[in-house]
Amino acid sequence: MLELAVPGAETLKLEHLVLDYNGTLARDGQLLAGVAERLQRLADRLALHVVTADTHGSVARQIADLPCALAIIPPADQALAKQRYLHQLGAGRCAAFGNGRNDALLLRDAALGIALLQQEGLAMAALREADLVCHCCCDALDLLLIPGRLAATLRC
């Protein structure tokens, strides 16, 4: 569990991290540099979940050695499938990362929603629903690894 006291706001008690894959952890289906190492380190604090439509058909191979649960969702109603997955875990105990329009509900409903603006872009719907935005997935993962940075950003 990752407990984060945010000055002027409710303490976050996170147990899960729900991650989009393409555009968030990967570009063109390939895991981004530095992500695997950070996920390995975070696995001691949070249960990790990758929820994706697997556009490039590479996610299982790319995360095979990582301590992540994998959920491949069907092409139809992706936003609702991601939202349902989050709620099955208990949205109030989850952080979520995403960049696509189909991540907006995920980011909105998570206790902490982080949108990523990387090489594949950031959908406006996801931006509107996020608690904060990072320009690099590694930076976002570092916020969870070094939570004092996150508290400084989210303080009221």
N, C-alpha and C. Protein backbone atom coordinates (compact mmCIF):
# COMPACT_ATOMS: atom_id res chain seq x y z
N MET A 1 0.85 -1.19 0.00
CA MET A 1 0.00 0.00 0.00
C MET A 1 0.89 1.24 0.00
N LEU A 2 0.41 2.24 -0.67
CA LEU A 2 1.08 3.53 -0.70
C LEU A 2 0.12 4.54 -0.08
N GLU A 3 0.52 5.07 1.06
CA GLU A 3 -0.31 6.08 1.74
C GLU A 3 0.34 7.43 1.55
N LEU A 4 -0.45 8.39 1.10
CA LEU A 4 0.08 9.70 0.79
C LEU A 4 -0.78 10.78 1.43
N ALA A 5 -0.19 11.47 2.40
CA ALA A 5 -0.87 12.60 3.03
C ALA A 5 -0.65 13.83 2.15
N VAL A 6 -1.72 14.39 1.65
CA VAL A 6 -1.66 15.57 0.79
C VAL A 6 -2.15 16.77 1.60
N PRO A 7 -1.28 17.75 1.85
CA PRO A 7 -1.70 18.91 2.64
C PRO A 7 -2.97 19.57 2.06
N GLY A 8 -3.97 19.73 2.92
CA GLY A 8 -5.21 20.37 2.51
C GLY A 8 -6.18 19.47 1.78
N ALA A 9 -5.84 18.20 1.64
CA ALA A 9 -6.71 17.25 0.92
C ALA A 9 -6.75 15.93 1.69
N GLU A 10 -7.61 15.05 1.24
CA GLU A 10 -7.76 13.75 1.86
C GLU A 10 -6.51 12.88 1.61
N THR A 11 -6.13 12.09 2.60
CA THR A 11 -5.00 11.17 2.45
C THR A 11 -5.35 10.09 1.44
N LEU A 12 -4.45 9.88 0.49
CA LEU A 12 -4.64 8.81 -0.49
C LEU A 12 -4.12 7.51 0.08
N LYS A 13 -4.91 6.45 -0.02
CA LYS A 13 -4.50 5.11 0.41
C LYS A 13 -4.64 4.20 -0.80
N LEU A 14 -3.54 4.08 -1.53
CA LEU A 14 -3.56 3.37 -2.81
C LEU A 14 -3.06 1.94 -2.66
N GLU A 15 -3.78 1.02 -3.30
CA GLU A 15 -3.39 -0.39 -3.30
C GLU A 15 -3.10 -0.89 -4.72
N HIS A 16 -3.65 -0.22 -5.72
CA HIS A 16 -3.54 -0.68 -7.11
C HIS A 16 -3.11 0.47 -8.02
N LEU A 17 -2.38 0.11 -9.07
CA LEU A 17 -2.06 1.04 -10.15
C LEU A 17 -2.56 0.41 -11.44
N VAL A 18 -3.51 1.07 -12.09
CA VAL A 18 -4.10 0.59 -13.33
C VAL A 18 -3.49 1.40 -14.47
N LEU A 19 -2.90 0.70 -15.43
CA LEU A 19 -2.13 1.33 -16.49
C LEU A 19 -2.65 0.99 -17.87
N ASP A 20 -2.86 2.01 -18.68
CA ASP A 20 -3.06 1.82 -20.10
C ASP A 20 -1.71 1.37 -20.67
N TYR A 21 -1.70 0.78 -21.85
CA TYR A 21 -0.43 0.32 -22.41
C TYR A 21 0.07 1.25 -23.53
N ASN A 22 -0.56 1.19 -24.70
CA ASN A 22 -0.07 2.00 -25.83
C ASN A 22 -0.29 3.49 -25.59
N GLY A 23 0.76 4.25 -25.77
CA GLY A 23 0.71 5.68 -25.53
C GLY A 23 1.00 6.05 -24.10
N THR A 24 1.01 5.07 -23.21
CA THR A 24 1.25 5.31 -21.78
C THR A 24 2.54 4.61 -21.35
N LEU A 25 2.54 3.29 -21.38
CA LEU A 25 3.74 2.52 -21.04
C LEU A 25 4.59 2.20 -22.26
N ALA A 26 3.99 2.32 -23.43
CA ALA A 26 4.65 1.88 -24.66
C ALA A 26 4.40 2.85 -25.80
N ARG A 27 5.27 2.78 -26.78
CA ARG A 27 5.07 3.50 -28.05
C ARG A 27 5.16 2.46 -29.15
N ASP A 28 4.17 2.47 -30.04
CA ASP A 28 4.11 1.50 -31.14
C ASP A 28 4.24 0.07 -30.64
N GLY A 29 3.68 -0.20 -29.47
CA GLY A 29 3.67 -1.56 -28.92
C GLY A 29 4.92 -1.96 -28.17
N GLN A 30 5.93 -1.10 -28.11
CA GLN A 30 7.19 -1.43 -27.44
C GLN A 30 7.30 -0.67 -26.12
N LEU A 31 7.58 -1.39 -25.06
CA LEU A 31 7.72 -0.78 -23.74
C LEU A 31 8.78 0.32 -23.77
N LEU A 32 8.48 1.45 -23.17
CA LEU A 32 9.40 2.58 -23.13
C LEU A 32 10.58 2.30 -22.22
N ALA A 33 11.71 2.87 -22.54
CA ALA A 33 12.92 2.72 -21.73
C ALA A 33 12.68 3.21 -20.31
N GLY A 34 13.14 2.46 -19.34
CA GLY A 34 13.04 2.84 -17.94
C GLY A 34 11.76 2.41 -17.24
N VAL A 35 10.74 2.02 -18.00
CA VAL A 35 9.45 1.66 -17.41
C VAL A 35 9.55 0.34 -16.64
N ALA A 36 10.16 -0.68 -17.21
CA ALA A 36 10.22 -2.00 -16.56
C ALA A 36 10.89 -1.90 -15.19
N GLU A 37 12.00 -1.20 -15.13
CA GLU A 37 12.72 -1.06 -13.85
C GLU A 37 11.83 -0.41 -12.80
N ARG A 38 11.12 0.64 -13.18
CA ARG A 38 10.27 1.35 -12.22
C ARG A 38 9.08 0.49 -11.80
N LEU A 39 8.50 -0.25 -12.72
CA LEU A 39 7.39 -1.13 -12.36
C LEU A 39 7.85 -2.21 -11.39
N GLN A 40 9.04 -2.75 -11.60
CA GLN A 40 9.58 -3.74 -10.66
C GLN A 40 9.67 -3.15 -9.25
N ARG A 41 10.14 -1.93 -9.15
CA ARG A 41 10.29 -1.29 -7.84
C ARG A 41 8.93 -0.96 -7.22
N LEU A 42 7.96 -0.56 -8.03
CA LEU A 42 6.63 -0.22 -7.51
C LEU A 42 5.84 -1.43 -7.05
N ALA A 43 6.16 -2.60 -7.56
CA ALA A 43 5.40 -3.81 -7.26
C ALA A 43 5.44 -4.17 -5.77
N ASP A 44 6.40 -3.65 -5.05
CA ASP A 44 6.45 -3.87 -3.60
C ASP A 44 5.41 -3.04 -2.86
N ARG A 45 4.92 -1.99 -3.51
CA ARG A 45 3.97 -1.07 -2.87
C ARG A 45 2.55 -1.18 -3.40
N LEU A 46 2.43 -1.50 -4.69
CA LEU A 46 1.12 -1.50 -5.34
C LEU A 46 0.95 -2.74 -6.21
N ALA A 47 -0.28 -3.23 -6.30
CA ALA A 47 -0.60 -4.27 -7.28
C ALA A 47 -0.72 -3.57 -8.64
N LEU A 48 -0.03 -4.08 -9.64
CA LEU A 48 0.04 -3.44 -10.95
C LEU A 48 -0.88 -4.16 -11.94
N HIS A 49 -1.62 -3.37 -12.72
CA HIS A 49 -2.58 -3.90 -13.68
C HIS A 49 -2.42 -3.16 -15.00
N VAL A 50 -2.23 -3.90 -16.09
CA VAL A 50 -2.20 -3.32 -17.43
C VAL A 50 -3.52 -3.68 -18.10
N VAL A 51 -4.27 -2.66 -18.50
CA VAL A 51 -5.58 -2.86 -19.13
C VAL A 51 -5.51 -2.21 -20.51
N THR A 52 -5.66 -3.03 -21.55
CA THR A 52 -5.40 -2.55 -22.90
C THR A 52 -6.21 -3.33 -23.95
N ALA A 53 -6.41 -2.69 -25.08
CA ALA A 53 -6.98 -3.39 -26.24
C ALA A 53 -5.87 -4.09 -27.03
N ASP A 54 -4.63 -3.85 -26.67
CA ASP A 54 -3.45 -4.48 -27.29
C ASP A 54 -3.43 -4.27 -28.81
N THR A 55 -3.48 -3.03 -29.20
CA THR A 55 -3.53 -2.64 -30.60
C THR A 55 -2.46 -3.31 -31.46
N HIS A 56 -1.25 -3.43 -30.93
CA HIS A 56 -0.13 -3.98 -31.70
C HIS A 56 0.12 -5.47 -31.43
N GLY A 57 -0.67 -6.07 -30.54
CA GLY A 57 -0.52 -7.50 -30.26
C GLY A 57 0.78 -7.87 -29.57
N SER A 58 1.38 -6.93 -28.85
CA SER A 58 2.70 -7.18 -28.27
C SER A 58 2.74 -7.13 -26.75
N VAL A 59 1.66 -6.74 -26.10
CA VAL A 59 1.72 -6.47 -24.67
C VAL A 59 2.13 -7.69 -23.85
N ALA A 60 1.58 -8.84 -24.12
CA ALA A 60 1.92 -10.03 -23.31
C ALA A 60 3.41 -10.33 -23.36
N ARG A 61 3.98 -10.22 -24.53
CA ARG A 61 5.43 -10.45 -24.71
C ARG A 61 6.24 -9.37 -24.00
N GLN A 62 5.81 -8.13 -24.12
CA GLN A 62 6.56 -7.00 -23.58
C GLN A 62 6.58 -6.97 -22.04
N ILE A 63 5.50 -7.43 -21.40
CA ILE A 63 5.44 -7.37 -19.93
C ILE A 63 5.56 -8.74 -19.28
N ALA A 64 5.94 -9.75 -20.04
CA ALA A 64 6.00 -11.13 -19.53
C ALA A 64 6.82 -11.27 -18.25
N ASP A 65 7.88 -10.52 -18.11
CA ASP A 65 8.75 -10.64 -16.94
C ASP A 65 8.43 -9.63 -15.84
N LEU A 66 7.34 -8.93 -16.00
CA LEU A 66 6.97 -7.91 -15.02
C LEU A 66 5.84 -8.39 -14.11
N PRO A 67 5.80 -7.91 -12.87
CA PRO A 67 4.77 -8.34 -11.92
C PRO A 67 3.45 -7.58 -12.12
N CYS A 68 2.86 -7.77 -13.30
CA CYS A 68 1.64 -7.06 -13.67
C CYS A 68 0.54 -8.04 -14.06
N ALA A 69 -0.67 -7.78 -13.59
CA ALA A 69 -1.82 -8.49 -14.11
C ALA A 69 -2.15 -7.87 -15.46
N LEU A 70 -2.54 -8.69 -16.42
CA LEU A 70 -2.86 -8.20 -17.76
C LEU A 70 -4.31 -8.48 -18.08
N ALA A 71 -5.03 -7.44 -18.51
CA ALA A 71 -6.41 -7.57 -18.97
C ALA A 71 -6.48 -6.99 -20.37
N ILE A 72 -6.76 -7.85 -21.33
CA ILE A 72 -6.95 -7.39 -22.71
C ILE A 72 -8.45 -7.24 -22.93
N ILE A 73 -8.83 -6.03 -23.28
CA ILE A 73 -10.24 -5.71 -23.43
C ILE A 73 -10.64 -5.77 -24.90
N PRO A 74 -11.92 -6.02 -25.17
CA PRO A 74 -12.38 -6.06 -26.56
C PRO A 74 -12.37 -4.68 -27.20
N PRO A 75 -12.39 -4.62 -28.53
CA PRO A 75 -12.34 -3.34 -29.23
C PRO A 75 -13.56 -2.44 -28.98
N ALA A 76 -14.70 -3.02 -28.69
CA ALA A 76 -15.91 -2.22 -28.46
C ALA A 76 -15.99 -1.77 -27.00
N ASP A 77 -16.46 -0.56 -26.78
CA ASP A 77 -16.70 -0.01 -25.44
C ASP A 77 -15.48 -0.09 -24.53
N GLN A 78 -14.33 0.31 -25.05
CA GLN A 78 -13.10 0.23 -24.28
C GLN A 78 -13.13 1.10 -23.03
N ALA A 79 -13.67 2.29 -23.13
CA ALA A 79 -13.72 3.19 -21.98
C ALA A 79 -14.52 2.56 -20.84
N LEU A 80 -15.65 1.95 -21.18
CA LEU A 80 -16.47 1.31 -20.15
C LEU A 80 -15.79 0.07 -19.59
N ALA A 81 -15.09 -0.68 -20.42
CA ALA A 81 -14.38 -1.87 -19.95
C ALA A 81 -13.29 -1.47 -18.95
N LYS A 82 -12.56 -0.41 -19.26
CA LYS A 82 -11.52 0.06 -18.33
C LYS A 82 -12.14 0.56 -17.04
N GLN A 83 -13.24 1.28 -17.14
CA GLN A 83 -13.92 1.78 -15.96
C GLN A 83 -14.42 0.63 -15.08
N ARG A 84 -15.01 -0.40 -15.69
CA ARG A 84 -15.49 -1.56 -14.93
C ARG A 84 -14.34 -2.26 -14.21
N TYR A 85 -13.23 -2.42 -14.90
CA TYR A 85 -12.06 -3.06 -14.30
C TYR A 85 -11.63 -2.28 -13.05
N LEU A 86 -11.54 -0.97 -13.17
CA LEU A 86 -11.16 -0.11 -12.06
C LEU A 86 -12.12 -0.29 -10.88
N HIS A 87 -13.41 -0.29 -11.15
CA HIS A 87 -14.40 -0.39 -10.08
C HIS A 87 -14.39 -1.77 -9.43
N GLN A 88 -14.04 -2.80 -10.16
CA GLN A 88 -13.91 -4.13 -9.55
C GLN A 88 -12.79 -4.16 -8.51
N LEU A 89 -11.76 -3.36 -8.74
CA LEU A 89 -10.65 -3.28 -7.78
C LEU A 89 -10.98 -2.38 -6.60
N GLY A 90 -11.91 -1.47 -6.78
CA GLY A 90 -12.22 -0.45 -5.79
C GLY A 90 -11.57 0.86 -6.19
N ALA A 91 -12.27 1.66 -6.96
CA ALA A 91 -11.71 2.88 -7.56
C ALA A 91 -11.03 3.79 -6.54
N GLY A 92 -11.55 3.85 -5.34
CA GLY A 92 -10.99 4.71 -4.31
C GLY A 92 -9.64 4.27 -3.79
N ARG A 93 -9.22 3.07 -4.19
CA ARG A 93 -7.91 2.54 -3.77
C ARG A 93 -6.94 2.46 -4.94
N CYS A 94 -7.29 3.13 -6.04
CA CYS A 94 -6.50 2.99 -7.27
C CYS A 94 -5.93 4.30 -7.78
N ALA A 95 -4.72 4.21 -8.29
CA ALA A 95 -4.16 5.25 -9.15
C ALA A 95 -4.29 4.71 -10.57
N ALA A 96 -4.37 5.59 -11.54
CA ALA A 96 -4.50 5.16 -12.94
C ALA A 96 -3.71 6.11 -13.83
N PHE A 97 -3.10 5.53 -14.88
CA PHE A 97 -2.36 6.29 -15.89
C PHE A 97 -2.99 6.02 -17.24
N GLY A 98 -3.10 7.05 -18.07
CA GLY A 98 -3.60 6.86 -19.43
C GLY A 98 -3.39 8.12 -20.26
N ASN A 99 -3.62 7.96 -21.57
CA ASN A 99 -3.47 9.10 -22.48
C ASN A 99 -4.60 9.22 -23.49
N GLY A 100 -5.39 8.17 -23.66
CA GLY A 100 -6.38 8.15 -24.73
C GLY A 100 -7.77 8.57 -24.28
N ARG A 101 -8.60 8.83 -25.28
CA ARG A 101 -10.00 9.16 -24.99
C ARG A 101 -10.66 8.02 -24.22
N ASN A 102 -10.24 6.78 -24.53
CA ASN A 102 -10.83 5.64 -23.83
C ASN A 102 -10.30 5.49 -22.39
N ASP A 103 -9.42 6.38 -21.96
CA ASP A 103 -8.93 6.38 -20.58
C ASP A 103 -9.61 7.43 -19.70
N ALA A 104 -10.44 8.27 -20.27
CA ALA A 104 -11.02 9.39 -19.53
C ALA A 104 -11.81 8.94 -18.30
N LEU A 105 -12.67 7.94 -18.44
CA LEU A 105 -13.45 7.47 -17.30
C LEU A 105 -12.56 6.83 -16.24
N LEU A 106 -11.55 6.13 -16.68
CA LEU A 106 -10.57 5.51 -15.79
C LEU A 106 -9.89 6.58 -14.95
N LEU A 107 -9.41 7.64 -15.60
CA LEU A 107 -8.72 8.72 -14.90
C LEU A 107 -9.66 9.48 -13.98
N ARG A 108 -10.88 9.69 -14.41
CA ARG A 108 -11.86 10.42 -13.60
C ARG A 108 -12.21 9.67 -12.33
N ASP A 109 -12.42 8.36 -12.43
CA ASP A 109 -12.93 7.60 -11.30
C ASP A 109 -11.86 7.12 -10.34
N ALA A 110 -10.61 7.07 -10.76
CA ALA A 110 -9.53 6.63 -9.87
C ALA A 110 -9.31 7.66 -8.76
N ALA A 111 -8.83 7.21 -7.63
CA ALA A 111 -8.48 8.13 -6.54
C ALA A 111 -7.43 9.12 -7.00
N LEU A 112 -6.55 8.67 -7.91
CA LEU A 112 -5.52 9.52 -8.49
C LEU A 112 -5.40 9.17 -9.97
N GLY A 113 -5.72 10.11 -10.83
CA GLY A 113 -5.63 9.90 -12.27
C GLY A 113 -4.52 10.75 -12.86
N ILE A 114 -3.57 10.10 -13.52
CA ILE A 114 -2.45 10.81 -14.13
C ILE A 114 -2.49 10.61 -15.64
N ALA A 115 -2.59 11.71 -16.36
CA ALA A 115 -2.60 11.68 -17.82
C ALA A 115 -1.17 11.87 -18.33
N LEU A 116 -0.84 11.20 -19.43
CA LEU A 116 0.49 11.26 -20.00
C LEU A 116 0.45 11.92 -21.36
N LEU A 117 1.30 12.94 -21.53
CA LEU A 117 1.45 13.62 -22.80
C LEU A 117 2.82 13.24 -23.35
N GLN A 118 2.85 12.17 -24.13
CA GLN A 118 4.09 11.65 -24.69
C GLN A 118 4.00 11.68 -26.21
N GLN A 119 4.80 10.86 -26.88
CA GLN A 119 4.89 10.88 -28.34
C GLN A 119 3.56 10.60 -29.04
N GLU A 120 2.68 9.82 -28.45
CA GLU A 120 1.42 9.48 -29.10
C GLU A 120 0.31 10.48 -28.78
N GLY A 121 0.62 11.53 -28.01
CA GLY A 121 -0.35 12.57 -27.73
C GLY A 121 -1.21 12.27 -26.52
N LEU A 122 -2.09 13.23 -26.22
CA LEU A 122 -2.99 13.15 -25.08
C LEU A 122 -4.36 13.64 -25.52
N ALA A 123 -5.36 12.77 -25.40
CA ALA A 123 -6.73 13.15 -25.77
C ALA A 123 -7.26 14.18 -24.79
N MET A 124 -7.97 15.17 -25.29
CA MET A 124 -8.53 16.23 -24.45
C MET A 124 -9.46 15.66 -23.38
N ALA A 125 -10.20 14.63 -23.70
CA ALA A 125 -11.11 14.02 -22.72
C ALA A 125 -10.31 13.47 -21.53
N ALA A 126 -9.18 12.84 -21.80
CA ALA A 126 -8.33 12.32 -20.72
C ALA A 126 -7.73 13.46 -19.91
N LEU A 127 -7.30 14.50 -20.59
CA LEU A 127 -6.73 15.67 -19.92
C LEU A 127 -7.73 16.28 -18.94
N ARG A 128 -8.97 16.45 -19.39
CA ARG A 128 -10.00 17.07 -18.56
C ARG A 128 -10.29 16.27 -17.29
N GLU A 129 -10.14 14.95 -17.35
CA GLU A 129 -10.52 14.10 -16.22
C GLU A 129 -9.37 13.78 -15.26
N ALA A 130 -8.15 14.08 -15.65
CA ALA A 130 -6.98 13.73 -14.84
C ALA A 130 -6.79 14.69 -13.67
N ASP A 131 -6.12 14.19 -12.63
CA ASP A 131 -5.72 15.03 -11.50
C ASP A 131 -4.45 15.80 -11.81
N LEU A 132 -3.60 15.20 -12.64
CA LEU A 132 -2.38 15.87 -13.07
C LEU A 132 -1.88 15.25 -14.36
N VAL A 133 -0.94 15.95 -14.99
CA VAL A 133 -0.38 15.52 -16.27
C VAL A 133 1.13 15.44 -16.15
N CYS A 134 1.71 14.40 -16.72
CA CYS A 134 3.17 14.27 -16.80
C CYS A 134 3.54 14.12 -18.26
N HIS A 135 4.73 14.56 -18.62
CA HIS A 135 5.18 14.46 -20.01
C HIS A 135 5.93 13.17 -20.28
N CYS A 136 6.11 12.35 -19.25
CA CYS A 136 6.88 11.11 -19.42
C CYS A 136 6.37 10.08 -18.41
N CYS A 137 6.14 8.87 -18.87
CA CYS A 137 5.66 7.82 -17.99
C CYS A 137 6.63 7.57 -16.84
N CYS A 138 7.91 7.64 -17.11
CA CYS A 138 8.91 7.43 -16.05
C CYS A 138 8.78 8.49 -14.97
N ASP A 139 8.51 9.73 -15.36
CA ASP A 139 8.30 10.79 -14.37
C ASP A 139 7.06 10.49 -13.53
N ALA A 140 6.01 10.02 -14.14
CA ALA A 140 4.78 9.70 -13.41
C ALA A 140 5.01 8.55 -12.44
N LEU A 141 5.73 7.52 -12.89
CA LEU A 141 6.04 6.40 -12.00
C LEU A 141 6.93 6.86 -10.85
N ASP A 142 7.84 7.78 -11.13
CA ASP A 142 8.70 8.32 -10.07
C ASP A 142 7.90 9.07 -9.02
N LEU A 143 6.79 9.69 -9.40
CA LEU A 143 5.94 10.36 -8.42
C LEU A 143 5.41 9.37 -7.39
N LEU A 144 5.15 8.14 -7.82
CA LEU A 144 4.68 7.11 -6.89
C LEU A 144 5.84 6.51 -6.10
N LEU A 145 7.01 6.47 -6.70
CA LEU A 145 8.19 5.95 -6.00
C LEU A 145 8.74 6.96 -4.99
N ILE A 146 8.57 8.25 -5.28
CA ILE A 146 9.03 9.33 -4.39
C ILE A 146 7.81 10.21 -4.10
N PRO A 147 6.90 9.73 -3.24
CA PRO A 147 5.60 10.38 -3.08
C PRO A 147 5.62 11.81 -2.56
N GLY A 148 6.71 12.25 -1.98
CA GLY A 148 6.79 13.64 -1.56
C GLY A 148 6.63 14.60 -2.73
N ARG A 149 7.11 14.20 -3.89
CA ARG A 149 6.93 15.02 -5.09
C ARG A 149 5.45 15.16 -5.44
N LEU A 150 4.75 14.05 -5.32
CA LEU A 150 3.32 14.03 -5.64
C LEU A 150 2.54 14.90 -4.66
N ALA A 151 2.87 14.79 -3.38
CA ALA A 151 2.18 15.61 -2.37
C ALA A 151 2.38 17.10 -2.65
N ALA A 152 3.57 17.47 -3.06
CA ALA A 152 3.85 18.88 -3.37
C ALA A 152 3.00 19.38 -4.52
N THR A 153 2.76 18.51 -5.52
CA THR A 153 1.98 18.90 -6.69
C THR A 153 0.49 18.97 -6.37
N LEU A 154 0.00 18.08 -5.53
CA LEU A 154 -1.44 17.98 -5.28
C LEU A 154 -1.93 18.83 -4.09
N ARG A 155 -1.02 19.40 -3.35
CA ARG A 155 -1.45 20.14 -2.15
C ARG A 155 -2.41 21.27 -2.52
N CYS A 156 -3.29 21.58 -1.58
CA CYS A 156 -4.27 22.65 -1.79
C CYS A 156 -3.73 23.97 -1.30
